[in-house]
Amino acid sequence: MHLAFIVDPLTVLKPAKDSSIAMMRSAARRGHDVFAIESSSVGWYVYDSHGKNLVCGEAIQLSLASNTQHEANGALNRESWYKEAGRQKMPLSEFDAVLMRKDPPCNIDYVSLTWLLSQAEKEGAKVFNHPQALRDHSEKMATSEFVQFCPPSIFSRSIKALNDFIDNLQDIVIKPLDGMGGTEVFRLTPGDPNRNAILESVTRYEKRIVMAQKYVPQINDGDKRVFIVNGEVMPWCLARLPKDGETRANLATGGTGVARPLVERDLQIAQALAPQLVARGLLLVGLDIIGDYLSEINVTSPTCMVEIAEQSGFDIAERVITAVEEVIQV
């Protein structure tokens, strides 16, 4: 198959731990041709001499180094994990599958990209995850559909409403809806001297809706990333443990990732959500579970696959490519 991965610039990807690169390597091992399309190149262009417009991107064909080869070339060299085997503007409909792996923020540029991908689907492209599903599932707000599994939460831009929530719950976490990697995530209590300044900053003076949740102290035992691939719950998760003195457990903020088998509560939550999410065209989902609670439903570019594979031997990236093969053959 010809597989295209829509990604951020290749020079910013981190080959030692990037899940998109892990999937590319898996696809190459399985004999597929791998292309990267940087998201900024995607557009609806006049493609042929007849003046027909198609959604296209600059497709970079990749020759991928294995993990071992890359390490031998120097793990700090971000460009040593691939060689460019050619590039050309290609319609997305010419690929057997297109995997959307653009990182947040899910701003208007991200939404516009999903509009283009929806048009590409009309032209015959097979896109994973489904562009409409990406638009419909804010990774934070999507939890509101499954309140039976979530800690007490609100979504608001009102500083008064957020202050009332802090006073009622006493210990909360607040974050913007479109961020990732722990950006602008704050823990707040009634006595915090910076409370109002933080609320003004994170809501941009009540111009931006944010998510606030009751703080779950079990985060000290890990913020678990649980994967669902084509409706199947993967048996291993990555528990991200916050470093000393830090509320956030994200690996990007210095958290430590520990691969663990799923426990009963993880399975209960994931198995309840899986049929509904896959039915909406979400081939790959990463749930965030803290203690007994669901905190996020990640559908844009969920990561942590490399750490799980290295520590447990269970290769989720391989499962994703297998799932794409199975869906394409249907």
C-alpha atoms as a PDB file:
ATOM      1  CA  MET A   1       0.000   0.000   0.000  1.00  0.00           C
ATOM      2  CA  HIS A   2       0.910   3.667  -0.377  1.00  0.00           C
ATOM      3  CA  LEU A   3       0.420   5.279   3.049  1.00  0.00           C
ATOM      4  CA  ALA A   4       0.560   9.027   3.660  1.00  0.00           C
ATOM      5  CA  PHE A   5       1.110  10.522   7.113  1.00  0.00           C
ATOM      6  CA  ILE A   6       0.034  14.148   7.552  1.00  0.00           C
ATOM      7  CA  VAL A   7       2.428  15.505  10.144  1.00  0.00           C
ATOM      8  CA  ASP A   8       4.155  18.572  11.487  1.00  0.00           C
ATOM      9  CA  PRO A   9       7.516  19.416   9.846  1.00  0.00           C
ATOM     10  CA  LEU A  10       9.769  16.358   9.850  1.00  0.00           C
ATOM     11  CA  THR A  11      12.565  18.351  11.482  1.00  0.00           C
ATOM     12  CA  VAL A  12      10.515  18.848  14.671  1.00  0.00           C
ATOM     13  CA  LEU A  13       9.537  15.191  15.125  1.00  0.00           C
ATOM     14  CA  LYS A  14      11.437  13.341  17.860  1.00  0.00           C
ATOM     15  CA  PRO A  15      12.502   9.957  16.438  1.00  0.00           C
ATOM     16  CA  ALA A  16      13.371   8.455  19.822  1.00  0.00           C
ATOM     17  CA  LYS A  17       9.767   8.615  21.012  1.00  0.00           C
ATOM     18  CA  ASP A  18       7.438   9.850  18.264  1.00  0.00           C
ATOM     19  CA  SER A  19       4.451   7.552  17.706  1.00  0.00           C
ATOM     20  CA  SER A  20       3.968   8.756  14.113  1.00  0.00           C
ATOM     21  CA  ILE A  21       7.524   7.675  13.284  1.00  0.00           C
ATOM     22  CA  ALA A  22       6.878   4.345  15.036  1.00  0.00           C
ATOM     23  CA  MET A  23       3.869   3.807  12.778  1.00  0.00           C
ATOM     24  CA  MET A  24       5.874   4.786   9.704  1.00  0.00           C
ATOM     25  CA  ARG A  25       8.579   2.273  10.624  1.00  0.00           C
ATOM     26  CA  SER A  26       5.981  -0.406  11.195  1.00  0.00           C
ATOM     27  CA  ALA A  27       4.403   0.307   7.809  1.00  0.00           C
ATOM     28  CA  ALA A  28       7.791   0.115   6.082  1.00  0.00           C
ATOM     29  CA  ARG A  29       8.592  -3.213   7.794  1.00  0.00           C
ATOM     30  CA  ARG A  30       5.307  -4.557   6.450  1.00  0.00           C
ATOM     31  CA  GLY A  31       6.326  -3.637   2.906  1.00  0.00           C
ATOM     32  CA  HIS A  32       4.283  -0.461   2.429  1.00  0.00           C
ATOM     33  CA  ASP A  33       5.498   2.708   0.740  1.00  0.00           C
ATOM     34  CA  VAL A  34       5.601   5.520   3.292  1.00  0.00           C
ATOM     35  CA  PHE A  35       5.059   9.193   2.501  1.00  0.00           C
ATOM     36  CA  ALA A  36       5.066  12.208   4.801  1.00  0.00           C
ATOM     37  CA  ILE A  37       2.952  15.251   3.965  1.00  0.00           C
ATOM     38  CA  GLU A  38       3.637  18.304   6.071  1.00  0.00           C
ATOM     39  CA  SER A  39       0.269  19.765   6.998  1.00  0.00           C
ATOM     40  CA  SER A  40       1.157  23.232   5.692  1.00  0.00           C
ATOM     41  CA  SER A  41       1.372  21.896   2.119  1.00  0.00           C
ATOM     42  CA  VAL A  42      -2.185  20.511   2.002  1.00  0.00           C
ATOM     43  CA  GLY A  43      -4.586  22.484  -0.166  1.00  0.00           C
ATOM     44  CA  TRP A  44      -7.262  22.273  -2.859  1.00  0.00           C
ATOM     45  CA  TYR A  45      -5.309  22.877  -6.041  1.00  0.00           C
ATOM     46  CA  VAL A  46      -5.776  22.834  -9.804  1.00  0.00           C
ATOM     47  CA  TYR A  47      -4.165  19.468 -10.417  1.00  0.00           C
ATOM     48  CA  ASP A  48      -4.433  18.576 -14.107  1.00  0.00           C
ATOM     49  CA  SER A  49      -4.515  20.156 -17.562  1.00  0.00           C
ATOM     50  CA  HIS A  50      -8.305  19.999 -17.559  1.00  0.00           C
ATOM     51  CA  GLY A  51      -8.459  22.451 -14.667  1.00  0.00           C
ATOM     52  CA  LYS A  52      -9.741  19.913 -12.142  1.00  0.00           C
ATOM     53  CA  ASN A  53      -9.227  20.758  -8.482  1.00  0.00           C
ATOM     54  CA  LEU A  54      -8.202  18.081  -5.995  1.00  0.00           C
ATOM     55  CA  VAL A  55      -6.978  18.098  -2.393  1.00  0.00           C
ATOM     56  CA  CYS A  56      -3.229  17.585  -2.690  1.00  0.00           C
ATOM     57  CA  GLY A  57      -0.115  17.790  -0.570  1.00  0.00           C
ATOM     58  CA  GLU A  58       3.617  17.720  -1.168  1.00  0.00           C
ATOM     59  CA  ALA A  59       4.300  14.030  -0.604  1.00  0.00           C
ATOM     60  CA  ILE A  60       7.806  13.185   0.606  1.00  0.00           C
ATOM     61  CA  GLN A  61       8.620   9.525   0.034  1.00  0.00           C
ATOM     62  CA  LEU A  62      10.674   8.251   2.946  1.00  0.00           C
ATOM     63  CA  SER A  63      13.364   5.621   3.233  1.00  0.00           C
ATOM     64  CA  LEU A  64      13.280   4.843   6.933  1.00  0.00           C
ATOM     65  CA  ALA A  65      16.158   3.832   9.160  1.00  0.00           C
ATOM     66  CA  SER A  66      15.447   1.259  11.842  1.00  0.00           C
ATOM     67  CA  ASN A  67      15.783   2.205  15.504  1.00  0.00           C
ATOM     68  CA  THR A  68      19.191   0.501  15.609  1.00  0.00           C
ATOM     69  CA  GLN A  69      20.452   2.279  12.495  1.00  0.00           C
ATOM     70  CA  HIS A  70      19.221   5.603  13.782  1.00  0.00           C
ATOM     71  CA  GLU A  71      20.930   5.152  17.135  1.00  0.00           C
ATOM     72  CA  ALA A  72      24.169   4.263  15.356  1.00  0.00           C
ATOM     73  CA  ASN A  73      23.913   7.510  13.384  1.00  0.00           C
ATOM     74  CA  GLY A  74      23.415   9.509  16.576  1.00  0.00           C
ATOM     75  CA  ALA A  75      20.131   9.668  18.464  1.00  0.00           C
ATOM     76  CA  LEU A  76      20.363  13.440  18.774  1.00  0.00           C
ATOM     77  CA  ASN A  77      20.300  13.924  14.994  1.00  0.00           C
ATOM     78  CA  ARG A  78      16.619  14.343  14.216  1.00  0.00           C
ATOM     79  CA  GLU A  79      17.163  13.916  10.488  1.00  0.00           C
ATOM     80  CA  SER A  80      19.082  10.616  10.650  1.00  0.00           C
ATOM     81  CA  TRP A  81      15.911   8.529  10.973  1.00  0.00           C
ATOM     82  CA  TYR A  82      14.969   8.920   7.294  1.00  0.00           C
ATOM     83  CA  LYS A  83      16.253   9.680   3.835  1.00  0.00           C
ATOM     84  CA  GLU A  84      14.168  11.459   1.264  1.00  0.00           C
ATOM     85  CA  ALA A  85      13.482   9.258  -1.756  1.00  0.00           C
ATOM     86  CA  GLY A  86      11.646  11.906  -3.748  1.00  0.00           C
ATOM     87  CA  ARG A  87       8.823  14.408  -3.448  1.00  0.00           C
ATOM     88  CA  GLN A  88       5.951  15.607  -5.594  1.00  0.00           C
ATOM     89  CA  LYS A  89       2.507  17.156  -5.262  1.00  0.00           C
ATOM     90  CA  MET A  90      -0.018  14.326  -5.115  1.00  0.00           C
ATOM     91  CA  PRO A  91      -3.786  14.097  -4.595  1.00  0.00           C
ATOM     92  CA  LEU A  92      -4.639  12.486  -1.278  1.00  0.00           C
ATOM     93  CA  SER A  93      -7.091  10.259  -3.142  1.00  0.00           C
ATOM     94  CA  GLU A  94      -4.152   8.492  -4.818  1.00  0.00           C
ATOM     95  CA  PHE A  95      -2.999   6.977  -1.517  1.00  0.00           C
ATOM     96  CA  ASP A  96      -4.445   3.769  -0.141  1.00  0.00           C
ATOM     97  CA  ALA A  97      -4.780   5.463   3.250  1.00  0.00           C
ATOM     98  CA  VAL A  98      -4.063   8.866   4.782  1.00  0.00           C
ATOM     99  CA  LEU A  99      -3.228   9.014   8.502  1.00  0.00           C
ATOM    100  CA  MET A 100      -3.893  12.411  10.038  1.00  0.00           C
ATOM    101  CA  ARG A 101      -1.214  12.988  12.687  1.00  0.00           C
ATOM    102  CA  LYS A 102      -1.050  16.778  12.969  1.00  0.00           C
ATOM    103  CA  ASP A 103      -0.502  17.817  16.576  1.00  0.00           C
ATOM    104  CA  PRO A 104      -2.713  20.347  18.363  1.00  0.00           C
ATOM    105  CA  PRO A 105      -3.413  23.182  18.949  1.00  0.00           C
ATOM    106  CA  CYS A 106      -6.819  22.490  17.434  1.00  0.00           C
ATOM    107  CA  ASN A 107      -7.223  26.053  16.236  1.00  0.00           C
ATOM    108  CA  ILE A 108      -8.858  27.404  13.074  1.00  0.00           C
ATOM    109  CA  ASP A 109      -5.888  26.198  10.988  1.00  0.00           C
ATOM    110  CA  TYR A 110      -6.386  22.679  12.320  1.00  0.00           C
ATOM    111  CA  VAL A 111     -10.137  22.815  11.668  1.00  0.00           C
ATOM    112  CA  SER A 112      -9.511  24.166   8.154  1.00  0.00           C
ATOM    113  CA  LEU A 113      -7.213  21.200   7.517  1.00  0.00           C
ATOM    114  CA  THR A 114     -10.006  18.816   8.527  1.00  0.00           C
ATOM    115  CA  TRP A 115     -12.330  20.612   6.073  1.00  0.00           C
ATOM    116  CA  LEU A 116      -9.799  19.903   3.338  1.00  0.00           C
ATOM    117  CA  LEU A 117      -9.591  16.266   4.449  1.00  0.00           C
ATOM    118  CA  SER A 118     -13.379  15.967   4.296  1.00  0.00           C
ATOM    119  CA  GLN A 119     -13.210  17.221   0.714  1.00  0.00           C
ATOM    120  CA  ALA A 120     -10.464  14.681   0.022  1.00  0.00           C
ATOM    121  CA  GLU A 121     -12.796  11.952   1.293  1.00  0.00           C
ATOM    122  CA  LYS A 122     -15.419  13.069  -1.235  1.00  0.00           C
ATOM    123  CA  GLU A 123     -12.725  12.656  -3.879  1.00  0.00           C
ATOM    124  CA  GLY A 124     -12.071   9.079  -2.747  1.00  0.00           C
ATOM    125  CA  ALA A 125      -9.405   9.394  -0.042  1.00  0.00           C
ATOM    126  CA  LYS A 126      -9.565   7.122   3.019  1.00  0.00           C
ATOM    127  CA  VAL A 127      -8.601   9.245   6.021  1.00  0.00           C
ATOM    128  CA  PHE A 128      -7.900   8.043   9.577  1.00  0.00           C
ATOM    129  CA  ASN A 129      -9.097   9.403  11.942  1.00  0.00           C
ATOM    130  CA  HIS A 130     -12.257  10.513  10.150  1.00  0.00           C
ATOM    131  CA  PRO A 131     -12.091  14.327   9.652  1.00  0.00           C
ATOM    132  CA  GLN A 132     -15.663  14.876  10.829  1.00  0.00           C
ATOM    133  CA  ALA A 133     -14.922  12.873  13.976  1.00  0.00           C
ATOM    134  CA  LEU A 134     -11.829  14.991  14.619  1.00  0.00           C
ATOM    135  CA  ARG A 135     -13.949  18.135  14.448  1.00  0.00           C
ATOM    136  CA  ASP A 136     -16.667  16.666  16.644  1.00  0.00           C
ATOM    137  CA  HIS A 137     -14.352  15.447  19.417  1.00  0.00           C
ATOM    138  CA  SER A 138     -12.638  18.156  21.351  1.00  0.00           C
ATOM    139  CA  GLU A 139     -10.156  16.103  23.346  1.00  0.00           C
ATOM    140  CA  LYS A 140     -11.275  17.708  26.588  1.00  0.00           C
ATOM    141  CA  MET A 141     -14.933  18.498  25.962  1.00  0.00           C
ATOM    142  CA  ALA A 142     -15.657  15.047  24.482  1.00  0.00           C
ATOM    143  CA  THR A 143     -15.553  13.730  28.043  1.00  0.00           C
ATOM    144  CA  SER A 144     -18.870  15.510  28.727  1.00  0.00           C
ATOM    145  CA  GLU A 145     -20.617  12.701  26.864  1.00  0.00           C
ATOM    146  CA  PHE A 146     -19.331  10.163  29.392  1.00  0.00           C
ATOM    147  CA  VAL A 147     -19.892  11.924  32.721  1.00  0.00           C
ATOM    148  CA  GLN A 148     -20.404   8.615  34.514  1.00  0.00           C
ATOM    149  CA  PHE A 149     -16.643   8.050  34.218  1.00  0.00           C
ATOM    150  CA  CYS A 150     -15.396  11.611  34.775  1.00  0.00           C
ATOM    151  CA  PRO A 151     -14.502  13.686  37.830  1.00  0.00           C
ATOM    152  CA  PRO A 152     -16.722  16.738  38.465  1.00  0.00           C
ATOM    153  CA  SER A 153     -16.024  19.127  35.589  1.00  0.00           C
ATOM    154  CA  ILE A 154     -17.160  22.382  34.009  1.00  0.00           C
ATOM    155  CA  PHE A 155     -16.398  24.164  30.735  1.00  0.00           C
ATOM    156  CA  SER A 156     -16.603  27.942  30.908  1.00  0.00           C
ATOM    157  CA  ARG A 157     -14.882  31.244  30.199  1.00  0.00           C
ATOM    158  CA  SER A 158     -16.597  32.957  33.139  1.00  0.00           C
ATOM    159  CA  ILE A 159     -14.125  33.813  35.886  1.00  0.00           C
ATOM    160  CA  LYS A 160     -16.992  33.941  38.393  1.00  0.00           C
ATOM    161  CA  ALA A 161     -18.149  30.432  37.424  1.00  0.00           C
ATOM    162  CA  LEU A 162     -14.589  29.120  37.656  1.00  0.00           C
ATOM    163  CA  ASN A 163     -14.057  30.797  41.025  1.00  0.00           C
ATOM    164  CA  ASP A 164     -17.300  29.247  42.296  1.00  0.00           C
ATOM    165  CA  PHE A 165     -16.086  25.850  41.073  1.00  0.00           C
ATOM    166  CA  ILE A 166     -12.804  26.291  42.949  1.00  0.00           C
ATOM    167  CA  ASP A 167     -14.653  27.277  46.127  1.00  0.00           C
ATOM    168  CA  ASN A 168     -16.994  24.295  45.862  1.00  0.00           C
ATOM    169  CA  LEU A 169     -14.401  21.646  44.949  1.00  0.00           C
ATOM    170  CA  GLN A 170     -11.487  23.177  46.899  1.00  0.00           C
ATOM    171  CA  ASP A 171      -8.824  21.621  44.653  1.00  0.00           C
ATOM    172  CA  ILE A 172      -9.093  21.728  40.859  1.00  0.00           C
ATOM    173  CA  VAL A 173      -7.097  21.516  37.628  1.00  0.00           C
ATOM    174  CA  ILE A 174      -7.760  24.002  34.837  1.00  0.00           C
ATOM    175  CA  LYS A 175      -6.606  23.852  31.206  1.00  0.00           C
ATOM    176  CA  PRO A 176      -7.437  25.254  27.745  1.00  0.00           C
ATOM    177  CA  LEU A 177      -9.423  23.083  25.334  1.00  0.00           C
ATOM    178  CA  ASP A 178      -6.925  23.190  22.477  1.00  0.00           C
ATOM    179  CA  GLY A 179      -3.602  22.494  24.158  1.00  0.00           C
ATOM    180  CA  MET A 180      -1.380  19.450  24.516  1.00  0.00           C
ATOM    181  CA  GLY A 181       1.640  18.282  26.476  1.00  0.00           C
ATOM    182  CA  GLY A 182       0.631  20.042  29.687  1.00  0.00           C
ATOM    183  CA  THR A 183       0.656  23.565  28.257  1.00  0.00           C
ATOM    184  CA  GLU A 184      -1.230  26.096  30.410  1.00  0.00           C
ATOM    185  CA  VAL A 185      -2.370  23.448  32.882  1.00  0.00           C
ATOM    186  CA  PHE A 186      -2.736  24.785  36.434  1.00  0.00           C
ATOM    187  CA  ARG A 187      -3.764  23.358  39.786  1.00  0.00           C
ATOM    188  CA  LEU A 188      -5.747  25.846  41.863  1.00  0.00           C
ATOM    189  CA  THR A 189      -7.059  25.959  45.421  1.00  0.00           C
ATOM    190  CA  PRO A 190      -9.083  28.695  47.167  1.00  0.00           C
ATOM    191  CA  GLY A 191      -6.024  30.071  48.934  1.00  0.00           C
ATOM    192  CA  ASP A 192      -3.782  30.381  45.887  1.00  0.00           C
ATOM    193  CA  PRO A 193      -2.539  34.010  45.831  1.00  0.00           C
ATOM    194  CA  ASN A 194      -2.258  33.883  42.024  1.00  0.00           C
ATOM    195  CA  ARG A 195      -5.746  32.484  41.565  1.00  0.00           C
ATOM    196  CA  ASN A 196      -7.351  35.422  39.747  1.00  0.00           C
ATOM    197  CA  ALA A 197      -4.272  36.163  37.670  1.00  0.00           C
ATOM    198  CA  ILE A 198      -4.182  32.536  36.488  1.00  0.00           C
ATOM    199  CA  LEU A 199      -7.879  32.574  35.613  1.00  0.00           C
ATOM    200  CA  GLU A 200      -7.452  35.826  33.694  1.00  0.00           C
ATOM    201  CA  SER A 201      -4.484  34.395  31.831  1.00  0.00           C
ATOM    202  CA  VAL A 202      -5.880  30.961  30.965  1.00  0.00           C
ATOM    203  CA  THR A 203      -9.281  32.373  29.866  1.00  0.00           C
ATOM    204  CA  ARG A 204      -7.578  35.333  28.158  1.00  0.00           C
ATOM    205  CA  TYR A 205      -9.799  37.657  30.147  1.00  0.00           C
ATOM    206  CA  GLU A 206     -12.940  35.592  29.519  1.00  0.00           C
ATOM    207  CA  LYS A 207     -12.367  35.324  25.764  1.00  0.00           C
ATOM    208  CA  ARG A 208     -11.517  31.584  25.803  1.00  0.00           C
ATOM    209  CA  ILE A 209     -13.501  28.628  27.184  1.00  0.00           C
ATOM    210  CA  VAL A 210     -11.462  26.350  29.427  1.00  0.00           C
ATOM    211  CA  MET A 211     -11.949  23.027  31.182  1.00  0.00           C
ATOM    212  CA  ALA A 212     -11.882  22.740  34.967  1.00  0.00           C
ATOM    213  CA  GLN A 213     -11.904  19.377  36.765  1.00  0.00           C
ATOM    214  CA  LYS A 214     -11.713  18.265  40.366  1.00  0.00           C
ATOM    215  CA  TYR A 215      -8.093  17.422  41.167  1.00  0.00           C
ATOM    216  CA  VAL A 216      -7.605  13.667  41.387  1.00  0.00           C
ATOM    217  CA  PRO A 217      -4.708  12.899  43.778  1.00  0.00           C
ATOM    218  CA  GLN A 218      -4.198   9.455  42.210  1.00  0.00           C
ATOM    219  CA  ILE A 219      -2.274  11.254  39.495  1.00  0.00           C
ATOM    220  CA  ASN A 220       0.745  10.587  41.678  1.00  0.00           C
ATOM    221  CA  ASP A 221       0.290   6.938  40.695  1.00  0.00           C
ATOM    222  CA  GLY A 222       0.129   7.896  37.043  1.00  0.00           C
ATOM    223  CA  ASP A 223      -1.923   9.590  34.356  1.00  0.00           C
ATOM    224  CA  LYS A 224      -2.540   6.498  32.225  1.00  0.00           C
ATOM    225  CA  ARG A 225      -2.665   6.604  28.422  1.00  0.00           C
ATOM    226  CA  VAL A 226      -4.962   3.768  27.310  1.00  0.00           C
ATOM    227  CA  PHE A 227      -5.242   2.971  23.598  1.00  0.00           C
ATOM    228  CA  ILE A 228      -8.211   1.832  21.530  1.00  0.00           C
ATOM    229  CA  VAL A 229      -7.344   0.623  18.012  1.00  0.00           C
ATOM    230  CA  ASN A 230     -10.242   0.017  15.635  1.00  0.00           C
ATOM    231  CA  GLY A 231     -12.543  -0.637  18.585  1.00  0.00           C
ATOM    232  CA  GLU A 232     -10.155  -3.018  20.376  1.00  0.00           C
ATOM    233  CA  VAL A 233      -8.768  -2.018  23.772  1.00  0.00           C
ATOM    234  CA  MET A 234      -5.007  -2.530  23.919  1.00  0.00           C
ATOM    235  CA  PRO A 235      -3.892  -4.494  27.021  1.00  0.00           C
ATOM    236  CA  TRP A 236      -0.987  -2.190  27.958  1.00  0.00           C
ATOM    237  CA  CYS A 237      -1.020   1.483  28.934  1.00  0.00           C
ATOM    238  CA  LEU A 238       1.630   4.044  29.823  1.00  0.00           C
ATOM    239  CA  ALA A 239       1.330   5.488  33.330  1.00  0.00           C
ATOM    240  CA  ARG A 240       2.925   8.923  33.304  1.00  0.00           C
ATOM    241  CA  LEU A 241       4.228   9.857  36.740  1.00  0.00           C
ATOM    242  CA  PRO A 242       4.783  13.530  37.630  1.00  0.00           C
ATOM    243  CA  LYS A 243       8.227  14.559  38.774  1.00  0.00           C
ATOM    244  CA  ASP A 244       8.659  15.817  42.333  1.00  0.00           C
ATOM    245  CA  GLY A 245       6.945  19.143  42.925  1.00  0.00           C
ATOM    246  CA  GLU A 246       4.954  18.972  39.679  1.00  0.00           C
ATOM    247  CA  THR A 247       1.196  18.506  39.242  1.00  0.00           C
ATOM    248  CA  ARG A 248       1.406  17.649  35.537  1.00  0.00           C
ATOM    249  CA  ALA A 249       2.414  14.147  34.532  1.00  0.00           C
ATOM    250  CA  ASN A 250       2.947  14.806  30.816  1.00  0.00           C
ATOM    251  CA  LEU A 251       6.215  13.450  29.444  1.00  0.00           C
ATOM    252  CA  ALA A 252       6.785  16.877  27.863  1.00  0.00           C
ATOM    253  CA  THR A 253       6.900  18.428  31.347  1.00  0.00           C
ATOM    254  CA  GLY A 254       9.373  15.897  32.762  1.00  0.00           C
ATOM    255  CA  GLY A 255       7.010  13.077  33.710  1.00  0.00           C
ATOM    256  CA  THR A 256       8.258   9.490  33.718  1.00  0.00           C
ATOM    257  CA  GLY A 257       6.436   6.864  31.649  1.00  0.00           C
ATOM    258  CA  VAL A 258       5.944   3.361  33.062  1.00  0.00           C
ATOM    259  CA  ALA A 259       4.252   0.668  30.947  1.00  0.00           C
ATOM    260  CA  ARG A 260       1.606  -1.283  32.858  1.00  0.00           C
ATOM    261  CA  PRO A 261      -1.109  -3.825  32.070  1.00  0.00           C
ATOM    262  CA  LEU A 262      -4.610  -2.394  32.251  1.00  0.00           C
ATOM    263  CA  VAL A 263      -6.489  -2.836  35.518  1.00  0.00           C
ATOM    264  CA  GLU A 264     -10.200  -3.619  35.798  1.00  0.00           C
ATOM    265  CA  ARG A 265     -11.335   0.025  35.953  1.00  0.00           C
ATOM    266  CA  ASP A 266      -9.247   0.955  32.900  1.00  0.00           C
ATOM    267  CA  LEU A 267     -10.883  -1.876  30.961  1.00  0.00           C
ATOM    268  CA  GLN A 268     -14.360  -0.910  32.154  1.00  0.00           C
ATOM    269  CA  ILE A 269     -13.988   2.649  30.893  1.00  0.00           C
ATOM    270  CA  ALA A 270     -12.248   1.782  27.623  1.00  0.00           C
ATOM    271  CA  GLN A 271     -14.611  -1.057  26.719  1.00  0.00           C
ATOM    272  CA  ALA A 272     -17.636   1.171  27.369  1.00  0.00           C
ATOM    273  CA  LEU A 273     -16.340   3.878  25.008  1.00  0.00           C
ATOM    274  CA  ALA A 274     -14.757   1.739  22.292  1.00  0.00           C
ATOM    275  CA  PRO A 275     -17.879   0.729  20.284  1.00  0.00           C
ATOM    276  CA  GLN A 276     -19.183   4.293  20.111  1.00  0.00           C
ATOM    277  CA  LEU A 277     -15.845   5.826  19.161  1.00  0.00           C
ATOM    278  CA  VAL A 278     -14.989   3.345  16.406  1.00  0.00           C
ATOM    279  CA  ALA A 279     -18.491   3.700  14.948  1.00  0.00           C
ATOM    280  CA  ARG A 280     -17.756   7.402  14.453  1.00  0.00           C
ATOM    281  CA  GLY A 281     -14.644   6.723  12.407  1.00  0.00           C
ATOM    282  CA  LEU A 282     -12.060   6.986  15.176  1.00  0.00           C
ATOM    283  CA  LEU A 283      -9.585   4.228  14.338  1.00  0.00           C
ATOM    284  CA  LEU A 284      -7.043   5.349  16.944  1.00  0.00           C
ATOM    285  CA  VAL A 285      -7.962   6.819  20.336  1.00  0.00           C
ATOM    286  CA  GLY A 286      -5.858   7.485  23.424  1.00  0.00           C
ATOM    287  CA  LEU A 287      -7.825   7.763  26.658  1.00  0.00           C
ATOM    288  CA  ASP A 288      -6.318   9.509  29.668  1.00  0.00           C
ATOM    289  CA  ILE A 289      -7.363   7.838  32.925  1.00  0.00           C
ATOM    290  CA  ILE A 290      -6.359   9.033  36.401  1.00  0.00           C
ATOM    291  CA  GLY A 291      -7.309   6.679  39.211  1.00  0.00           C
ATOM    292  CA  ASP A 292     -10.931   5.745  38.554  1.00  0.00           C
ATOM    293  CA  TYR A 293     -11.624   8.708  36.274  1.00  0.00           C
ATOM    294  CA  LEU A 294     -11.548   9.501  32.573  1.00  0.00           C
ATOM    295  CA  SER A 295      -9.939  12.909  32.028  1.00  0.00           C
ATOM    296  CA  GLU A 296      -9.422  13.218  28.236  1.00  0.00           C
ATOM    297  CA  ILE A 297     -10.227  11.457  24.955  1.00  0.00           C
ATOM    298  CA  ASN A 298      -7.289  12.029  22.602  1.00  0.00           C
ATOM    299  CA  VAL A 299      -8.052  11.625  18.900  1.00  0.00           C
ATOM    300  CA  THR A 300      -5.663  13.997  17.088  1.00  0.00           C
ATOM    301  CA  SER A 301      -2.213  12.429  17.425  1.00  0.00           C
ATOM    302  CA  PRO A 302      -2.138  10.238  20.558  1.00  0.00           C
ATOM    303  CA  THR A 303       1.376   9.251  21.535  1.00  0.00           C
ATOM    304  CA  CYS A 304       3.254   7.041  24.091  1.00  0.00           C
ATOM    305  CA  MET A 305       3.414   3.989  21.785  1.00  0.00           C
ATOM    306  CA  VAL A 306       7.225   3.857  21.737  1.00  0.00           C
ATOM    307  CA  GLU A 307       7.572   3.754  25.515  1.00  0.00           C
ATOM    308  CA  ILE A 308       5.015   0.938  25.790  1.00  0.00           C
ATOM    309  CA  ALA A 309       6.772  -1.101  23.102  1.00  0.00           C
ATOM    310  CA  GLU A 310      10.207  -0.609  24.640  1.00  0.00           C
ATOM    311  CA  GLN A 311       9.108  -1.617  28.135  1.00  0.00           C
ATOM    312  CA  SER A 312       6.515  -4.326  27.440  1.00  0.00           C
ATOM    313  CA  GLY A 313       7.241  -5.590  23.941  1.00  0.00           C
ATOM    314  CA  PHE A 314       3.627  -4.854  22.941  1.00  0.00           C
ATOM    315  CA  ASP A 315       3.726  -2.894  19.677  1.00  0.00           C
ATOM    316  CA  ILE A 316       0.683  -0.627  19.380  1.00  0.00           C
ATOM    317  CA  ALA A 317       2.082   1.085  16.277  1.00  0.00           C
ATOM    318  CA  GLU A 318       2.100  -2.305  14.559  1.00  0.00           C
ATOM    319  CA  ARG A 319      -1.520  -2.851  15.622  1.00  0.00           C
ATOM    320  CA  VAL A 320      -2.523   0.476  14.074  1.00  0.00           C
ATOM    321  CA  ILE A 321      -0.987  -0.393  10.700  1.00  0.00           C
ATOM    322  CA  THR A 322      -2.598  -3.845  10.839  1.00  0.00           C
ATOM    323  CA  ALA A 323      -5.957  -2.196  11.524  1.00  0.00           C
ATOM    324  CA  VAL A 324      -5.505   0.146   8.553  1.00  0.00           C
ATOM    325  CA  GLU A 325      -4.746  -2.871   6.340  1.00  0.00           C
ATOM    326  CA  GLU A 326      -7.866  -4.632   7.550  1.00  0.00           C
ATOM    327  CA  VAL A 327     -10.128  -1.616   7.058  1.00  0.00           C
ATOM    328  CA  ILE A 328      -8.769  -0.848   3.588  1.00  0.00           C
ATOM    329  CA  GLN A 329      -9.354  -4.427   2.449  1.00  0.00           C
ATOM    330  CA  VAL A 330     -13.024  -4.359   3.542  1.00  0.00           C
END
